[in-house]
């Protein structure tokens, strides 16, 4: 399989919108979309309910692609920097 990942931005604030486009191609057996998995995170565990824990950082999108023949491929995106934006209430 061939996989490409692109983002709408590579640096955003925590209040901004970020979109990713993942293109998967396999000209031999085709992509098994039901087996495609992804994660966008810097922490594997829960971070809790404290708003202060929701900070920025460097993130990577990991995409696991599988074709219909069973071949698997992991692709890791370039980094996305998310800066924490302080929101003040009136």
N, C-alpha and C. Protein backbone atom coordinates (compact mmCIF):
# COMPACT_ATOMS: atom_id res chain seq x y z
N UNK A 1 0.82 -1.20 0.00
CA UNK A 1 0.00 0.00 0.00
C UNK A 1 0.86 1.27 0.00
N UNK A 2 0.34 2.30 -0.60
CA UNK A 2 0.97 3.61 -0.60
C UNK A 2 0.07 4.56 0.19
N UNK A 3 0.67 5.34 1.10
CA UNK A 3 -0.12 6.21 1.96
C UNK A 3 0.52 7.60 1.99
N UNK A 4 -0.31 8.63 1.84
CA UNK A 4 0.15 10.01 1.97
C UNK A 4 -0.74 10.72 2.97
N UNK A 5 -0.13 11.56 3.82
CA UNK A 5 -0.86 12.32 4.83
C UNK A 5 -0.57 13.80 4.64
N UNK A 6 -1.61 14.61 4.61
CA UNK A 6 -1.40 16.06 4.55
C UNK A 6 -2.35 16.74 5.53
N UNK A 7 -1.93 17.88 6.07
CA UNK A 7 -2.71 18.63 7.04
C UNK A 7 -3.08 19.99 6.47
N UNK A 8 -4.18 20.55 6.98
CA UNK A 8 -4.58 21.89 6.57
C UNK A 8 -3.59 22.93 7.10
N UNK A 9 -2.97 22.66 8.24
CA UNK A 9 -1.96 23.52 8.85
C UNK A 9 -0.98 22.63 9.60
N UNK A 10 0.23 23.15 9.85
CA UNK A 10 1.18 22.38 10.65
C UNK A 10 1.43 23.03 12.00
N UNK A 11 0.90 24.23 12.21
CA UNK A 11 0.94 24.90 13.51
C UNK A 11 -0.42 25.52 13.76
N UNK A 12 -1.04 25.16 14.89
CA UNK A 12 -2.37 25.66 15.22
C UNK A 12 -2.45 25.99 16.70
N UNK A 13 -3.48 26.75 17.07
CA UNK A 13 -3.81 27.00 18.46
C UNK A 13 -4.79 25.91 18.90
N UNK A 14 -4.90 25.70 20.20
CA UNK A 14 -5.82 24.66 20.70
C UNK A 14 -7.27 24.95 20.34
N UNK A 15 -7.58 26.19 19.99
CA UNK A 15 -8.96 26.55 19.62
C UNK A 15 -9.19 26.52 18.11
N UNK A 16 -8.16 26.25 17.33
CA UNK A 16 -8.27 26.24 15.86
C UNK A 16 -8.78 24.90 15.35
N UNK A 17 -9.24 24.90 14.12
CA UNK A 17 -9.64 23.67 13.45
C UNK A 17 -8.44 23.11 12.69
N UNK A 18 -8.29 21.81 12.72
CA UNK A 18 -7.23 21.13 12.00
C UNK A 18 -7.83 19.96 11.25
N UNK A 19 -7.54 19.85 9.98
CA UNK A 19 -8.03 18.70 9.20
C UNK A 19 -6.84 17.96 8.60
N UNK A 20 -7.02 16.66 8.47
CA UNK A 20 -6.00 15.81 7.86
C UNK A 20 -6.63 15.10 6.68
N UNK A 21 -5.86 14.94 5.63
CA UNK A 21 -6.29 14.15 4.48
C UNK A 21 -5.34 12.98 4.33
N UNK A 22 -5.90 11.77 4.33
CA UNK A 22 -5.11 10.56 4.19
C UNK A 22 -5.50 9.89 2.88
N UNK A 23 -4.51 9.71 2.00
CA UNK A 23 -4.74 9.06 0.72
C UNK A 23 -4.05 7.69 0.75
N UNK A 24 -4.84 6.64 0.55
CA UNK A 24 -4.33 5.26 0.56
C UNK A 24 -4.56 4.64 -0.81
N UNK A 25 -3.51 4.07 -1.38
CA UNK A 25 -3.61 3.46 -2.71
C UNK A 25 -2.93 2.10 -2.70
N UNK A 26 -3.58 1.13 -3.30
CA UNK A 26 -2.98 -0.17 -3.54
C UNK A 26 -3.52 -0.66 -4.88
N UNK A 27 -2.68 -0.66 -5.90
CA UNK A 27 -3.13 -1.00 -7.25
C UNK A 27 -3.23 -2.51 -7.50
N UNK A 28 -2.73 -3.32 -6.59
CA UNK A 28 -2.78 -4.77 -6.79
C UNK A 28 -4.03 -5.39 -6.21
N UNK A 29 -4.20 -5.31 -4.88
CA UNK A 29 -5.35 -5.98 -4.27
C UNK A 29 -6.39 -5.01 -3.72
N UNK A 30 -6.04 -3.72 -3.64
CA UNK A 30 -6.97 -2.73 -3.09
C UNK A 30 -6.80 -2.57 -1.58
N UNK A 31 -7.30 -1.46 -1.08
CA UNK A 31 -7.21 -1.15 0.35
C UNK A 31 -8.38 -1.78 1.10
N UNK A 32 -8.09 -2.41 2.22
CA UNK A 32 -9.12 -2.94 3.11
C UNK A 32 -9.45 -1.83 4.10
N UNK A 33 -10.36 -0.94 3.76
CA UNK A 33 -10.65 0.24 4.56
C UNK A 33 -11.14 -0.11 5.96
N UNK A 34 -11.76 -1.26 6.11
CA UNK A 34 -12.24 -1.69 7.41
C UNK A 34 -11.12 -2.01 8.39
N UNK A 35 -9.92 -2.24 7.88
CA UNK A 35 -8.77 -2.53 8.74
C UNK A 35 -7.85 -1.33 8.92
N UNK A 36 -8.21 -0.18 8.34
CA UNK A 36 -7.41 1.02 8.51
C UNK A 36 -7.64 1.60 9.90
N UNK A 37 -6.57 1.90 10.59
CA UNK A 37 -6.63 2.46 11.93
C UNK A 37 -5.79 3.73 11.96
N UNK A 38 -6.11 4.62 12.90
CA UNK A 38 -5.31 5.83 13.05
C UNK A 38 -5.37 6.34 14.48
N UNK A 39 -4.34 7.10 14.87
CA UNK A 39 -4.30 7.74 16.18
C UNK A 39 -3.51 9.05 16.05
N UNK A 40 -4.00 10.09 16.73
CA UNK A 40 -3.36 11.40 16.75
C UNK A 40 -3.23 11.79 18.20
N UNK A 41 -2.06 11.56 18.79
CA UNK A 41 -1.93 11.73 20.22
C UNK A 41 -0.47 11.78 20.61
N UNK A 42 -0.18 12.39 21.76
CA UNK A 42 1.17 12.33 22.32
C UNK A 42 1.20 11.53 23.61
N UNK A 43 0.04 11.11 24.08
CA UNK A 43 -0.06 10.41 25.34
C UNK A 43 -0.98 9.22 25.17
N UNK A 44 -0.51 8.04 25.54
CA UNK A 44 -1.31 6.84 25.34
C UNK A 44 -2.38 6.65 26.40
N UNK A 45 -2.25 7.32 27.55
CA UNK A 45 -3.22 7.15 28.63
C UNK A 45 -4.17 8.32 28.73
N UNK A 46 -5.16 8.17 29.62
CA UNK A 46 -6.10 9.25 29.85
C UNK A 46 -5.38 10.43 30.48
N UNK A 47 -5.82 11.65 30.17
CA UNK A 47 -5.21 12.84 30.76
C UNK A 47 -6.11 13.50 31.79
N UNK A 48 -7.30 12.96 32.01
CA UNK A 48 -8.17 13.42 33.07
C UNK A 48 -9.12 14.53 32.69
N UNK A 49 -9.79 15.07 33.71
CA UNK A 49 -10.82 16.09 33.48
C UNK A 49 -10.37 17.49 33.86
N UNK A 50 -9.13 17.66 34.29
CA UNK A 50 -8.59 18.98 34.61
C UNK A 50 -8.26 19.70 33.31
N UNK A 51 -8.90 20.86 33.10
CA UNK A 51 -8.69 21.61 31.85
C UNK A 51 -7.23 21.98 31.64
N UNK A 52 -6.48 22.16 32.71
CA UNK A 52 -5.06 22.51 32.59
C UNK A 52 -4.24 21.40 31.94
N UNK A 53 -4.77 20.19 31.94
CA UNK A 53 -4.06 19.06 31.31
C UNK A 53 -4.15 19.09 29.79
N UNK A 54 -5.08 19.88 29.27
CA UNK A 54 -5.29 19.93 27.82
C UNK A 54 -4.43 21.03 27.24
N UNK A 55 -3.16 20.70 27.11
CA UNK A 55 -2.19 21.66 26.61
C UNK A 55 -1.80 21.31 25.18
N UNK A 56 -0.98 22.15 24.63
CA UNK A 56 -0.50 21.90 23.28
C UNK A 56 0.64 20.90 23.29
N UNK A 57 1.40 20.93 22.23
CA UNK A 57 2.53 20.03 22.12
C UNK A 57 2.75 19.64 20.67
N UNK A 58 3.60 18.67 20.50
CA UNK A 58 3.91 18.15 19.17
C UNK A 58 3.15 16.85 18.98
N UNK A 59 2.38 16.78 17.93
CA UNK A 59 1.55 15.62 17.64
C UNK A 59 1.95 14.99 16.31
N UNK A 60 1.70 13.71 16.20
CA UNK A 60 1.93 12.96 14.96
C UNK A 60 0.71 12.10 14.69
N UNK A 61 0.32 12.01 13.44
CA UNK A 61 -0.76 11.12 13.04
C UNK A 61 -0.14 9.81 12.57
N UNK A 62 -0.51 8.72 13.24
CA UNK A 62 -0.06 7.38 12.85
C UNK A 62 -1.21 6.71 12.10
N UNK A 63 -0.96 6.23 10.90
CA UNK A 63 -1.98 5.55 10.11
C UNK A 63 -1.50 4.14 9.81
N UNK A 64 -2.32 3.16 10.16
CA UNK A 64 -2.04 1.77 9.84
C UNK A 64 -2.96 1.37 8.70
N UNK A 65 -2.37 1.04 7.57
CA UNK A 65 -3.11 0.68 6.37
C UNK A 65 -2.90 -0.81 6.08
N UNK A 66 -3.98 -1.48 5.66
CA UNK A 66 -3.88 -2.88 5.26
C UNK A 66 -4.55 -3.05 3.92
N UNK A 67 -3.87 -3.77 3.02
CA UNK A 67 -4.50 -4.05 1.73
C UNK A 67 -5.28 -5.35 1.82
N UNK A 68 -6.00 -5.68 0.77
CA UNK A 68 -6.84 -6.89 0.77
C UNK A 68 -6.04 -8.18 0.76
N UNK A 69 -4.74 -8.10 0.48
CA UNK A 69 -3.87 -9.28 0.54
C UNK A 69 -3.31 -9.49 1.94
N UNK A 70 -3.58 -8.56 2.85
CA UNK A 70 -3.11 -8.70 4.23
C UNK A 70 -1.83 -7.96 4.54
N UNK A 71 -1.25 -7.27 3.56
CA UNK A 71 -0.04 -6.50 3.80
C UNK A 71 -0.38 -5.25 4.61
N UNK A 72 0.44 -4.98 5.63
CA UNK A 72 0.19 -3.82 6.49
C UNK A 72 1.35 -2.84 6.38
N UNK A 73 1.01 -1.56 6.55
CA UNK A 73 2.03 -0.52 6.50
C UNK A 73 1.64 0.59 7.46
N UNK A 74 2.59 1.00 8.31
CA UNK A 74 2.37 2.16 9.18
C UNK A 74 3.05 3.36 8.57
N UNK A 75 2.35 4.48 8.52
CA UNK A 75 2.90 5.74 8.05
C UNK A 75 2.70 6.77 9.16
N UNK A 76 3.75 7.53 9.44
CA UNK A 76 3.71 8.55 10.47
C UNK A 76 3.84 9.90 9.80
N UNK A 77 2.94 10.81 10.13
CA UNK A 77 2.94 12.14 9.52
C UNK A 77 4.13 12.96 10.00
N UNK A 78 4.33 14.08 9.33
CA UNK A 78 5.26 15.07 9.86
C UNK A 78 4.61 15.68 11.10
N UNK A 79 5.37 16.40 11.88
CA UNK A 79 4.83 16.90 13.16
C UNK A 79 3.84 18.03 12.95
N UNK A 80 2.90 18.10 13.88
CA UNK A 80 1.95 19.21 13.96
C UNK A 80 2.14 19.81 15.35
N UNK A 81 2.39 21.11 15.38
CA UNK A 81 2.57 21.80 16.65
C UNK A 81 1.26 22.46 17.06
N UNK A 82 0.80 22.13 18.24
CA UNK A 82 -0.42 22.72 18.77
C UNK A 82 -0.05 23.57 19.98
N UNK A 83 -0.32 24.86 19.85
CA UNK A 83 -0.01 25.81 20.92
C UNK A 83 -1.25 26.05 21.76
N UNK A 84 -1.08 26.04 23.07
CA UNK A 84 -2.19 26.28 23.98
C UNK A 84 -2.58 27.77 23.90
N UNK A 85 -3.87 28.02 23.67
CA UNK A 85 -4.37 29.38 23.63
C UNK A 85 -5.19 29.60 24.88
N UNK A 86 -4.83 30.62 25.63
CA UNK A 86 -5.58 30.95 26.83
C UNK A 86 -6.88 31.65 26.43
N UNK A 87 -7.98 31.19 26.99
CA UNK A 87 -9.29 31.77 26.71
C UNK A 87 -9.74 32.47 27.99
N UNK A 88 -9.98 33.76 27.89
CA UNK A 88 -10.47 34.50 29.03
C UNK A 88 -11.96 34.74 28.89
N UNK A 89 -12.68 34.60 29.99
CA UNK A 89 -14.12 34.81 29.98
C UNK A 89 -14.43 36.22 30.43
N UNK A 90 -15.44 36.81 29.86
CA UNK A 90 -15.85 38.15 30.26
C UNK A 90 -16.61 38.13 31.55
